[in-house]
Amino acid sequence: MVKRGKTHPFQQQQASSTYDANRHVLKLKFMCGKYFLQSDRGSFSNNNVDDTCRVCYESREKLQHMVLECSGLVAVRDPILRDIESRIEV
C-alpha cells in the first residue's frame, strides 16, 4: 500500500545500469501520466506524425493499447497484471 508522504516501492529499486535507469524513467512517466504517446505527437503536429505503436506496429499507440493490448509488451504486462489480480482477490 502506498501512503502519502512515503516513497513508492518502485522508487526504492536501484538501477544497475544506464539501461535500467532509462527504463525507470519511462515507468515513472507512465505512472504519472506524463509519457508522450505517438497519438499525442500526431495530434500536436496536425497528424504529420505516424501514431502507430513503435513496439508492435499493429495499432495506434494510445494509453489503453500500451497498457492492455500491445502484443510486444505481453512479457512486461502479464507479471504486473497477475500481481495486481493477486492483491485484489481476497
Protein backbone atom coordinates (compact mmCIF):
# COMPACT_ATOMS: atom_id res chain seq x y z
CA MET A 1 0.00 0.00 0.00
CA VAL A 2 1.31 3.42 -0.92
CA LYS A 3 0.80 6.08 1.72
CA ARG A 4 1.02 9.82 1.48
CA GLY A 5 4.48 11.06 2.41
CA LYS A 6 6.07 7.66 1.79
CA THR A 7 8.26 6.71 -1.14
CA HIS A 8 6.58 4.46 -3.71
CA PRO A 9 8.15 0.95 -3.64
CA PHE A 10 9.10 1.35 -7.30
CA GLN A 11 11.37 4.28 -6.43
CA GLN A 12 13.19 2.19 -3.85
CA GLN A 13 14.57 -0.10 -6.58
CA GLN A 14 18.16 0.57 -7.60
CA ALA A 15 19.06 0.72 -11.28
CA SER A 16 22.05 -1.49 -12.05
CA SER A 17 22.81 0.10 -15.42
CA THR A 18 22.04 3.10 -17.61
CA TYR A 19 19.54 0.93 -19.48
CA ASP A 20 17.70 0.13 -16.23
CA ALA A 21 17.76 3.80 -15.21
CA ASN A 22 16.17 4.77 -18.54
CA ARG A 23 13.52 2.08 -18.06
CA HIS A 24 12.77 3.51 -14.61
CA VAL A 25 12.25 6.96 -16.13
CA LEU A 26 9.78 5.55 -18.68
CA LYS A 27 7.90 3.62 -16.00
CA LEU A 28 7.63 6.72 -13.83
CA LYS A 29 6.31 8.71 -16.79
CA PHE A 30 3.64 6.04 -17.35
CA MET A 31 2.74 6.01 -13.66
CA CYS A 32 2.34 9.80 -13.63
CA GLY A 33 0.54 10.01 -16.96
CA LYS A 34 3.36 12.05 -18.50
CA TYR A 35 4.54 9.59 -21.18
CA PHE A 36 4.11 11.28 -24.58
CA LEU A 37 2.41 8.73 -26.82
CA GLN A 38 2.64 8.70 -30.62
CA SER A 39 -1.07 9.55 -30.80
CA ASP A 40 -0.33 12.67 -28.71
CA ARG A 41 2.52 13.64 -31.02
CA GLY A 42 0.21 13.23 -34.01
CA SER A 43 -2.47 15.46 -32.56
CA PHE A 44 0.05 18.22 -31.79
CA SER A 45 1.62 18.09 -35.25
CA ASN A 46 -1.59 18.18 -37.32
CA ASN A 47 -1.25 14.41 -37.82
CA ASN A 48 2.13 14.70 -39.57
CA VAL A 49 3.49 12.05 -37.20
CA ASP A 50 2.71 8.37 -37.64
CA ASP A 51 0.81 7.36 -34.49
CA THR A 52 1.40 3.63 -34.97
CA CYS A 53 2.77 1.83 -31.91
CA ARG A 54 6.55 1.61 -32.18
CA VAL A 55 6.62 -1.63 -30.19
CA CYS A 56 4.25 -3.84 -32.20
CA TYR A 57 3.35 -1.75 -35.28
CA GLU A 58 -0.19 -3.20 -35.09
CA SER A 59 -2.33 -0.36 -33.75
CA ARG A 60 -2.43 3.31 -32.76
CA GLU A 61 -0.19 3.99 -29.79
CA LYS A 62 -2.74 5.06 -27.18
CA LEU A 63 -2.57 4.51 -23.44
CA GLN A 64 -5.13 1.69 -23.50
CA HIS A 65 -3.18 -0.07 -26.24
CA MET A 66 0.16 0.27 -24.41
CA VAL A 67 -1.18 -0.86 -21.03
CA LEU A 68 -3.65 -3.57 -22.05
CA GLU A 69 -3.33 -4.62 -25.69
CA CYS A 70 0.17 -4.30 -27.18
CA SER A 71 1.46 -7.74 -28.18
CA GLY A 72 5.05 -6.56 -27.82
CA LEU A 73 4.56 -5.77 -24.14
CA VAL A 74 2.99 -9.07 -23.04
CA ALA A 75 6.14 -10.20 -21.21
CA VAL A 76 6.22 -6.95 -19.24
CA ARG A 77 2.48 -6.54 -18.73
CA ASP A 78 1.41 -10.05 -17.67
CA PRO A 79 3.51 -10.30 -14.47
CA ILE A 80 2.28 -6.87 -13.40
CA LEU A 81 -1.37 -7.74 -14.07
CA ARG A 82 -1.00 -11.07 -12.22
CA ASP A 83 0.44 -9.20 -9.23
CA ILE A 84 -2.44 -6.71 -9.28
CA GLU A 85 -5.00 -9.52 -9.56
CA SER A 86 -3.44 -11.40 -6.63
CA ARG A 87 -3.65 -8.28 -4.46
CA ILE A 88 -7.27 -7.60 -5.40
CA GLU A 89 -8.55 -11.13 -4.72
CA VAL A 90 -9.21 -11.57 -1.02
